[in-house]
Amino acid sequence: MSTLLIGRWSQDGGTLSITASHPVADGDQAAIDALVRPAFADGANWACEFDVDDHRRAVQRAYEEYARDDDAWVDDTVEHFEPLTP
């Protein structure tokens, strides 16, 4: 299993808000497309599948892989998990 996170970057690029989280079978592109399409139509502008079966680990990876190097923050509005920062 993987975790698909969906969210949106703020206009200034300083915050990635996670607005949805879904378990998906590894690499199930049809399921991912079915979840991402309506979310993007609703204003999301970012989505990523992480090869972890836990929401918190996926959010931590989103921070490490997409936000940390740009001094951005991840705001988890789903479970309100705050990524660990070094």
N, C-alpha and C. Protein backbone atom coordinates (compact mmCIF):
# COMPACT_ATOMS: atom_id res chain seq x y z
N MET A 1 0.83 -1.19 0.00
CA MET A 1 0.00 0.00 0.00
C MET A 1 0.87 1.25 0.00
N SER A 2 0.33 2.28 -0.59
CA SER A 2 0.95 3.59 -0.62
C SER A 2 -0.03 4.61 -0.06
N THR A 3 0.46 5.79 0.17
CA THR A 3 -0.39 6.89 0.62
C THR A 3 -0.31 8.01 -0.41
N LEU A 4 -1.47 8.41 -0.90
CA LEU A 4 -1.58 9.52 -1.83
C LEU A 4 -1.94 10.76 -1.04
N LEU A 5 -1.07 11.77 -1.10
CA LEU A 5 -1.37 13.05 -0.48
C LEU A 5 -1.77 14.03 -1.57
N ILE A 6 -2.77 14.83 -1.28
CA ILE A 6 -3.24 15.86 -2.21
C ILE A 6 -3.27 17.17 -1.44
N GLY A 7 -2.88 18.24 -2.11
CA GLY A 7 -2.89 19.53 -1.43
C GLY A 7 -2.72 20.68 -2.39
N ARG A 8 -2.30 21.80 -1.81
CA ARG A 8 -2.07 22.98 -2.64
C ARG A 8 -0.95 23.81 -2.03
N TRP A 9 -0.16 24.34 -2.94
CA TRP A 9 0.88 25.28 -2.55
C TRP A 9 0.27 26.67 -2.41
N SER A 10 0.73 27.42 -1.42
CA SER A 10 0.31 28.80 -1.28
C SER A 10 0.87 29.60 -2.46
N GLN A 11 0.29 30.76 -2.70
CA GLN A 11 0.72 31.58 -3.83
C GLN A 11 2.19 31.97 -3.73
N ASP A 12 2.68 32.18 -2.52
CA ASP A 12 4.08 32.56 -2.36
C ASP A 12 5.02 31.36 -2.30
N GLY A 13 4.47 30.14 -2.37
CA GLY A 13 5.29 28.94 -2.35
C GLY A 13 5.87 28.60 -0.99
N GLY A 14 5.40 29.28 0.05
CA GLY A 14 5.94 29.06 1.38
C GLY A 14 5.27 27.96 2.17
N THR A 15 4.09 27.53 1.74
CA THR A 15 3.36 26.52 2.49
C THR A 15 2.68 25.53 1.54
N LEU A 16 2.88 24.26 1.82
CA LEU A 16 2.16 23.19 1.14
C LEU A 16 1.11 22.69 2.12
N SER A 17 -0.15 22.93 1.83
CA SER A 17 -1.25 22.47 2.68
C SER A 17 -1.75 21.13 2.19
N ILE A 18 -1.66 20.12 3.04
CA ILE A 18 -2.18 18.79 2.71
C ILE A 18 -3.67 18.81 3.04
N THR A 19 -4.49 18.57 2.02
CA THR A 19 -5.94 18.66 2.18
C THR A 19 -6.65 17.32 2.10
N ALA A 20 -5.94 16.28 1.64
CA ALA A 20 -6.55 14.95 1.54
C ALA A 20 -5.45 13.90 1.58
N SER A 21 -5.81 12.73 2.08
CA SER A 21 -4.88 11.61 2.18
C SER A 21 -5.67 10.34 1.90
N HIS A 22 -5.15 9.51 1.00
CA HIS A 22 -5.86 8.29 0.62
C HIS A 22 -4.90 7.11 0.53
N PRO A 23 -5.27 5.96 1.10
CA PRO A 23 -4.47 4.76 0.85
C PRO A 23 -4.78 4.27 -0.56
N VAL A 24 -3.76 3.89 -1.29
CA VAL A 24 -3.93 3.35 -2.64
C VAL A 24 -2.99 2.17 -2.83
N ALA A 25 -3.39 1.26 -3.70
CA ALA A 25 -2.49 0.16 -4.04
C ALA A 25 -1.28 0.75 -4.75
N ASP A 26 -0.11 0.21 -4.47
CA ASP A 26 1.12 0.71 -5.07
C ASP A 26 0.97 0.85 -6.58
N GLY A 27 1.19 2.07 -7.06
CA GLY A 27 1.20 2.32 -8.49
C GLY A 27 -0.13 2.21 -9.21
N ASP A 28 -1.24 2.21 -8.49
CA ASP A 28 -2.57 2.10 -9.12
C ASP A 28 -2.95 3.45 -9.73
N GLN A 29 -2.47 3.69 -10.94
CA GLN A 29 -2.65 4.99 -11.58
C GLN A 29 -4.11 5.33 -11.81
N ALA A 30 -4.95 4.35 -12.10
CA ALA A 30 -6.38 4.62 -12.32
C ALA A 30 -7.02 5.16 -11.04
N ALA A 31 -6.69 4.56 -9.90
CA ALA A 31 -7.24 5.02 -8.62
C ALA A 31 -6.70 6.41 -8.28
N ILE A 32 -5.42 6.62 -8.55
CA ILE A 32 -4.82 7.93 -8.27
C ILE A 32 -5.49 9.00 -9.13
N ASP A 33 -5.65 8.72 -10.42
CA ASP A 33 -6.31 9.68 -11.30
C ASP A 33 -7.73 9.99 -10.85
N ALA A 34 -8.45 8.96 -10.40
CA ALA A 34 -9.83 9.15 -9.96
C ALA A 34 -9.91 10.03 -8.71
N LEU A 35 -8.88 10.03 -7.90
CA LEU A 35 -8.86 10.87 -6.69
C LEU A 35 -8.31 12.27 -6.99
N VAL A 36 -7.33 12.35 -7.87
CA VAL A 36 -6.67 13.62 -8.13
C VAL A 36 -7.51 14.54 -9.02
N ARG A 37 -8.15 14.00 -10.04
CA ARG A 37 -8.91 14.84 -10.97
C ARG A 37 -9.91 15.76 -10.27
N PRO A 38 -10.81 15.22 -9.43
CA PRO A 38 -11.77 16.13 -8.78
C PRO A 38 -11.11 17.08 -7.79
N ALA A 39 -10.03 16.64 -7.15
CA ALA A 39 -9.33 17.52 -6.20
C ALA A 39 -8.71 18.71 -6.94
N PHE A 40 -8.12 18.46 -8.10
CA PHE A 40 -7.53 19.56 -8.88
C PHE A 40 -8.63 20.47 -9.43
N ALA A 41 -9.76 19.92 -9.77
CA ALA A 41 -10.89 20.75 -10.23
C ALA A 41 -11.40 21.63 -9.09
N ASP A 42 -11.12 21.19 -7.85
CA ASP A 42 -11.56 21.92 -6.65
C ASP A 42 -10.48 22.85 -6.11
N GLY A 43 -9.36 22.99 -6.79
CA GLY A 43 -8.35 23.95 -6.36
C GLY A 43 -7.02 23.37 -5.92
N ALA A 44 -6.90 22.06 -5.79
CA ALA A 44 -5.61 21.47 -5.44
C ALA A 44 -4.64 21.71 -6.59
N ASN A 45 -3.35 21.80 -6.27
CA ASN A 45 -2.36 21.97 -7.32
C ASN A 45 -1.12 21.10 -7.08
N TRP A 46 -1.23 20.13 -6.18
CA TRP A 46 -0.12 19.24 -5.87
C TRP A 46 -0.68 17.90 -5.42
N ALA A 47 -0.04 16.82 -5.85
CA ALA A 47 -0.39 15.47 -5.39
C ALA A 47 0.84 14.60 -5.54
N CYS A 48 0.99 13.66 -4.63
CA CYS A 48 2.13 12.75 -4.70
C CYS A 48 1.79 11.45 -3.99
N GLU A 49 2.19 10.35 -4.60
CA GLU A 49 2.05 9.03 -3.99
C GLU A 49 3.36 8.70 -3.28
N PHE A 50 3.27 8.29 -2.02
CA PHE A 50 4.44 7.90 -1.25
C PHE A 50 4.33 6.42 -0.92
N ASP A 51 5.42 5.71 -1.05
CA ASP A 51 5.45 4.27 -0.83
C ASP A 51 5.54 3.96 0.67
N VAL A 52 4.58 4.48 1.40
CA VAL A 52 4.43 4.22 2.84
C VAL A 52 2.95 4.04 3.11
N ASP A 53 2.62 3.25 4.11
CA ASP A 53 1.20 3.00 4.39
C ASP A 53 0.69 3.77 5.60
N ASP A 54 1.40 4.84 5.95
CA ASP A 54 1.03 5.64 7.11
C ASP A 54 0.99 7.12 6.73
N HIS A 55 -0.10 7.78 7.06
CA HIS A 55 -0.28 9.19 6.71
C HIS A 55 0.86 10.06 7.24
N ARG A 56 1.23 9.88 8.49
CA ARG A 56 2.26 10.72 9.10
C ARG A 56 3.62 10.56 8.42
N ARG A 57 3.95 9.33 8.06
CA ARG A 57 5.21 9.12 7.35
C ARG A 57 5.17 9.77 5.97
N ALA A 58 4.02 9.74 5.32
CA ALA A 58 3.88 10.40 4.01
C ALA A 58 4.05 11.91 4.15
N VAL A 59 3.46 12.50 5.18
CA VAL A 59 3.60 13.94 5.39
C VAL A 59 5.06 14.29 5.69
N GLN A 60 5.73 13.47 6.48
CA GLN A 60 7.14 13.72 6.76
C GLN A 60 7.95 13.68 5.47
N ARG A 61 7.68 12.71 4.62
CA ARG A 61 8.39 12.63 3.34
C ARG A 61 8.07 13.82 2.46
N ALA A 62 6.82 14.27 2.46
CA ALA A 62 6.46 15.45 1.66
C ALA A 62 7.29 16.64 2.11
N TYR A 63 7.43 16.80 3.41
CA TYR A 63 8.25 17.89 3.94
C TYR A 63 9.70 17.74 3.47
N GLU A 64 10.27 16.55 3.67
CA GLU A 64 11.68 16.33 3.35
C GLU A 64 11.96 16.46 1.86
N GLU A 65 11.05 15.99 1.01
CA GLU A 65 11.31 15.94 -0.42
C GLU A 65 10.84 17.16 -1.20
N TYR A 66 9.86 17.89 -0.67
CA TYR A 66 9.28 19.00 -1.44
C TYR A 66 9.37 20.36 -0.77
N ALA A 67 9.53 20.41 0.54
CA ALA A 67 9.44 21.69 1.24
C ALA A 67 10.74 22.13 1.91
N ARG A 68 11.39 21.23 2.58
CA ARG A 68 12.53 21.59 3.43
C ARG A 68 13.61 22.39 2.71
N ASP A 69 14.03 21.94 1.55
CA ASP A 69 15.13 22.61 0.85
C ASP A 69 14.77 24.01 0.38
N ASP A 70 13.49 24.30 0.28
CA ASP A 70 13.03 25.63 -0.14
C ASP A 70 12.57 26.48 1.04
N ASP A 71 12.88 26.03 2.26
CA ASP A 71 12.43 26.71 3.48
C ASP A 71 10.92 26.90 3.51
N ALA A 72 10.21 25.93 2.97
CA ALA A 72 8.74 25.96 2.98
C ALA A 72 8.24 25.09 4.13
N TRP A 73 6.96 25.18 4.39
CA TRP A 73 6.35 24.44 5.48
C TRP A 73 5.25 23.56 4.93
N VAL A 74 4.99 22.44 5.60
CA VAL A 74 3.87 21.56 5.27
C VAL A 74 2.83 21.70 6.37
N ASP A 75 1.63 22.09 5.98
CA ASP A 75 0.51 22.24 6.90
C ASP A 75 -0.45 21.09 6.65
N ASP A 76 -0.46 20.12 7.56
CA ASP A 76 -1.32 18.94 7.43
C ASP A 76 -2.69 19.25 8.00
N THR A 77 -3.65 19.54 7.13
CA THR A 77 -5.00 19.85 7.59
C THR A 77 -5.85 18.59 7.76
N VAL A 78 -5.28 17.43 7.46
CA VAL A 78 -6.01 16.16 7.58
C VAL A 78 -5.90 15.61 9.00
N GLU A 79 -4.67 15.36 9.46
CA GLU A 79 -4.45 14.81 10.80
C GLU A 79 -3.68 15.78 11.70
N HIS A 80 -3.34 16.94 11.18
CA HIS A 80 -2.64 17.97 11.93
C HIS A 80 -1.28 17.50 12.47
N PHE A 81 -0.61 16.67 11.68
CA PHE A 81 0.73 16.20 12.03
C PHE A 81 1.74 17.28 11.65
N GLU A 82 2.65 17.57 12.55
CA GLU A 82 3.72 18.54 12.26
C GLU A 82 4.99 17.76 11.94
N PRO A 83 5.52 17.92 10.72
CA PRO A 83 6.74 17.20 10.36
C PRO A 83 7.89 17.55 11.30
N LEU A 84 8.73 16.56 11.51
CA LEU A 84 9.93 16.76 12.31
C LEU A 84 10.93 17.53 11.48
N THR A 85 11.51 18.56 12.04
CA THR A 85 12.50 19.36 11.33
C THR A 85 13.84 19.19 12.02
N PRO A 86 14.90 19.13 11.25
CA PRO A 86 16.24 18.96 11.87
C PRO A 86 16.67 20.22 12.61
